[in-house]
Amino acid sequence: MFGFIAFGFKVLFAAILGGALNYIPGEEGEEYKVVESSLICIFSASILGLARQLSDTGYNFALGIGILAVVIGIISISKNLEFKKRIIWLFSGSSGMIIGYGYLIQGTFLVVLVYIILQHSERLLNYLDQDSKQSDESSIENI
C-alpha cells in the first residue's frame, strides 16, 4: 500500500513540475504546451516508477529498458518539432525519469534550472555577448 501512495505522489509531483517547465506567465492561447510537457513528464515518471518497482525484485534490466523506452518514445514523437520545443520535451522527460526514480528534489532543481534558462535566455545571450565585446576592445587598447 505504501508503494502505491509513493507512486501516486511521484506522478502528481511530475505533473506539476512538467507543467511548470513550459508555463510562460502572461501568454495566452498556449495552454496546450503546458499540458504536453506535463503529460510527457507523467509518462516518464510512471514508466520509471514501475521499472524501479520491478528492479527491487531483482530484475535490474527493467530500469534500462524503462529509460530506453522513454527516450526513444520522446525522440520518435518529437521528430518534426522545432529545436526549442524538442529540447523542452527531452528535459521534461528527463525530469520525469528523475522524479519517477524517487529523486524529487533533484528533479525539482533540474526543472528550476531549465525554466530559468528558458525565461532569461535573451538576457544571458546579451550578457555573454557584451562580455566578449569588452574583452576584445580592452586587448586592442593595450597595444
Protein backbone atom coordinates (compact mmCIF):
# COMPACT_ATOMS: atom_id res chain seq x y z
CA MET A 1 0.00 0.00 0.00
CA PHE A 2 2.87 2.35 0.80
CA GLY A 3 4.34 1.78 -2.67
CA PHE A 4 1.06 2.80 -4.27
CA ILE A 5 0.92 6.04 -2.26
CA ALA A 6 4.53 6.85 -3.14
CA PHE A 7 3.85 6.14 -6.82
CA GLY A 8 0.80 8.42 -6.81
CA PHE A 9 2.78 11.17 -5.12
CA LYS A 10 5.56 10.87 -7.72
CA VAL A 11 3.09 11.07 -10.61
CA LEU A 12 1.33 14.09 -9.08
CA PHE A 13 4.66 15.81 -8.45
CA ALA A 14 5.76 15.05 -12.03
CA ALA A 15 2.52 16.54 -13.42
CA ILE A 16 3.05 19.79 -11.53
CA LEU A 17 6.73 20.15 -12.43
CA GLY A 18 6.21 19.11 -16.04
CA GLY A 19 3.52 21.74 -16.48
CA ALA A 20 5.65 24.36 -14.76
CA LEU A 21 8.51 23.72 -17.16
CA ASN A 22 6.57 25.04 -20.14
CA TYR A 23 4.50 27.69 -18.34
CA ILE A 24 5.06 31.26 -19.51
CA PRO A 25 3.30 33.91 -17.40
CA GLY A 26 1.13 36.34 -19.34
CA GLU A 27 0.99 34.28 -22.53
CA GLU A 28 -2.50 33.27 -23.58
CA GLY A 29 -3.50 30.59 -26.06
CA GLU A 30 -0.51 28.38 -25.29
CA GLU A 31 -2.13 26.15 -22.66
CA TYR A 32 -1.62 23.06 -24.80
CA LYS A 33 2.17 23.40 -24.35
CA VAL A 34 1.76 23.13 -20.59
CA VAL A 35 -0.42 20.04 -20.98
CA GLU A 36 2.03 18.43 -23.42
CA SER A 37 5.06 18.84 -21.18
CA SER A 38 3.05 17.74 -18.16
CA LEU A 39 1.92 14.56 -19.93
CA ILE A 40 5.47 13.78 -21.06
CA CYS A 41 6.72 14.20 -17.51
CA ILE A 42 3.92 11.97 -16.17
CA PHE A 43 4.69 9.34 -18.82
CA SER A 44 8.37 9.19 -17.99
CA ALA A 45 7.78 9.24 -14.22
CA SER A 46 5.26 6.42 -14.41
CA ILE A 47 7.43 4.24 -16.66
CA LEU A 48 10.49 4.65 -14.49
CA GLY A 49 8.49 4.31 -11.27
CA LEU A 50 7.12 0.97 -12.42
CA ALA A 51 10.54 -0.13 -13.67
CA ARG A 52 12.03 0.70 -10.29
CA GLN A 53 9.44 -1.43 -8.54
CA LEU A 54 10.38 -4.31 -10.84
CA SER A 55 14.09 -3.80 -10.20
CA ASP A 56 13.54 -4.11 -6.45
CA THR A 57 12.62 -7.73 -7.03
CA GLY A 58 15.91 -8.47 -8.79
CA TYR A 59 15.17 -7.56 -12.41
CA ASN A 60 17.70 -4.76 -12.79
CA PHE A 61 17.50 -4.70 -16.58
CA ALA A 62 13.97 -3.28 -16.25
CA LEU A 63 15.40 0.15 -15.40
CA GLY A 64 17.47 0.19 -18.57
CA ILE A 65 14.51 -0.85 -20.66
CA GLY A 66 12.39 1.84 -18.98
CA ILE A 67 14.94 4.56 -19.69
CA LEU A 68 15.31 3.45 -23.32
CA ALA A 69 11.53 3.32 -23.74
CA VAL A 70 11.13 6.89 -22.50
CA VAL A 71 14.00 8.33 -24.55
CA ILE A 72 13.06 6.50 -27.76
CA GLY A 73 9.40 7.42 -27.28
CA ILE A 74 10.12 11.13 -26.84
CA ILE A 75 12.56 11.23 -29.75
CA SER A 76 10.15 9.45 -32.09
CA ILE A 77 7.21 11.66 -31.12
CA SER A 78 9.17 14.91 -31.45
CA LYS A 79 10.85 14.26 -34.82
CA ASN A 80 9.15 17.08 -36.68
CA LEU A 81 9.21 19.74 -33.95
CA GLU A 82 11.38 22.81 -33.74
CA PHE A 83 14.57 22.58 -31.71
CA LYS A 84 13.43 24.55 -28.64
CA LYS A 85 10.22 22.55 -28.21
CA ARG A 86 12.09 19.28 -28.69
CA ILE A 87 14.63 20.18 -26.02
CA ILE A 88 11.83 21.16 -23.63
CA TRP A 89 10.22 17.76 -24.21
CA LEU A 90 13.52 15.97 -23.59
CA PHE A 91 14.13 17.88 -20.37
CA SER A 92 10.56 17.22 -19.30
CA GLY A 93 11.14 13.52 -19.89
CA SER A 94 14.46 13.61 -18.06
CA SER A 95 12.99 15.34 -15.05
CA GLY A 96 10.10 12.86 -15.07
CA MET A 97 12.56 9.96 -15.05
CA ILE A 98 14.45 11.52 -12.14
CA ILE A 99 11.22 12.03 -10.23
CA GLY A 100 9.98 8.55 -11.10
CA TYR A 101 13.12 7.02 -9.69
CA GLY A 102 12.49 8.83 -6.42
CA TYR A 103 14.77 11.85 -6.51
CA LEU A 104 12.15 14.58 -6.13
CA ILE A 105 14.49 17.38 -5.05
CA GLN A 106 16.97 16.73 -7.87
CA GLY A 107 14.12 16.70 -10.40
CA THR A 108 12.87 19.99 -9.00
CA PHE A 109 16.32 21.56 -9.30
CA LEU A 110 16.58 20.43 -12.92
CA VAL A 111 13.17 21.91 -13.77
CA VAL A 112 14.00 25.20 -12.00
CA LEU A 113 17.35 25.48 -13.79
CA VAL A 114 15.86 24.79 -17.23
CA TYR A 115 12.97 27.18 -16.54
CA ILE A 116 15.34 29.99 -15.55
CA ILE A 117 17.46 29.43 -18.65
CA LEU A 118 14.40 29.40 -20.93
CA GLN A 119 12.85 32.52 -19.41
CA HIS A 120 16.06 34.55 -19.35
CA SER A 121 17.77 33.26 -22.49
CA GLU A 122 17.90 36.68 -24.19
CA ARG A 123 19.45 38.31 -21.13
CA LEU A 124 22.02 35.54 -20.84
CA LEU A 125 22.98 35.80 -24.50
CA ASN A 126 23.23 39.60 -24.31
CA TYR A 127 25.37 39.34 -21.19
CA LEU A 128 27.73 36.82 -22.78
CA ASP A 129 27.94 38.86 -25.98
CA GLN A 130 28.64 42.03 -24.01
CA ASP A 131 31.49 40.39 -22.10
CA SER A 132 33.14 39.12 -25.29
CA LYS A 133 32.99 42.58 -26.91
CA GLN A 134 34.53 44.23 -23.85
CA SER A 135 37.40 41.77 -23.69
CA ASP A 136 38.16 42.27 -27.41
CA GLU A 137 38.21 46.06 -27.08
CA SER A 138 40.42 46.08 -24.00
CA SER A 139 43.10 43.97 -25.67
CA ILE A 140 43.25 46.38 -28.62
CA GLU A 141 43.58 49.40 -26.33
CA ASN A 142 46.54 47.86 -24.50
CA ILE A 143 48.60 47.62 -27.70
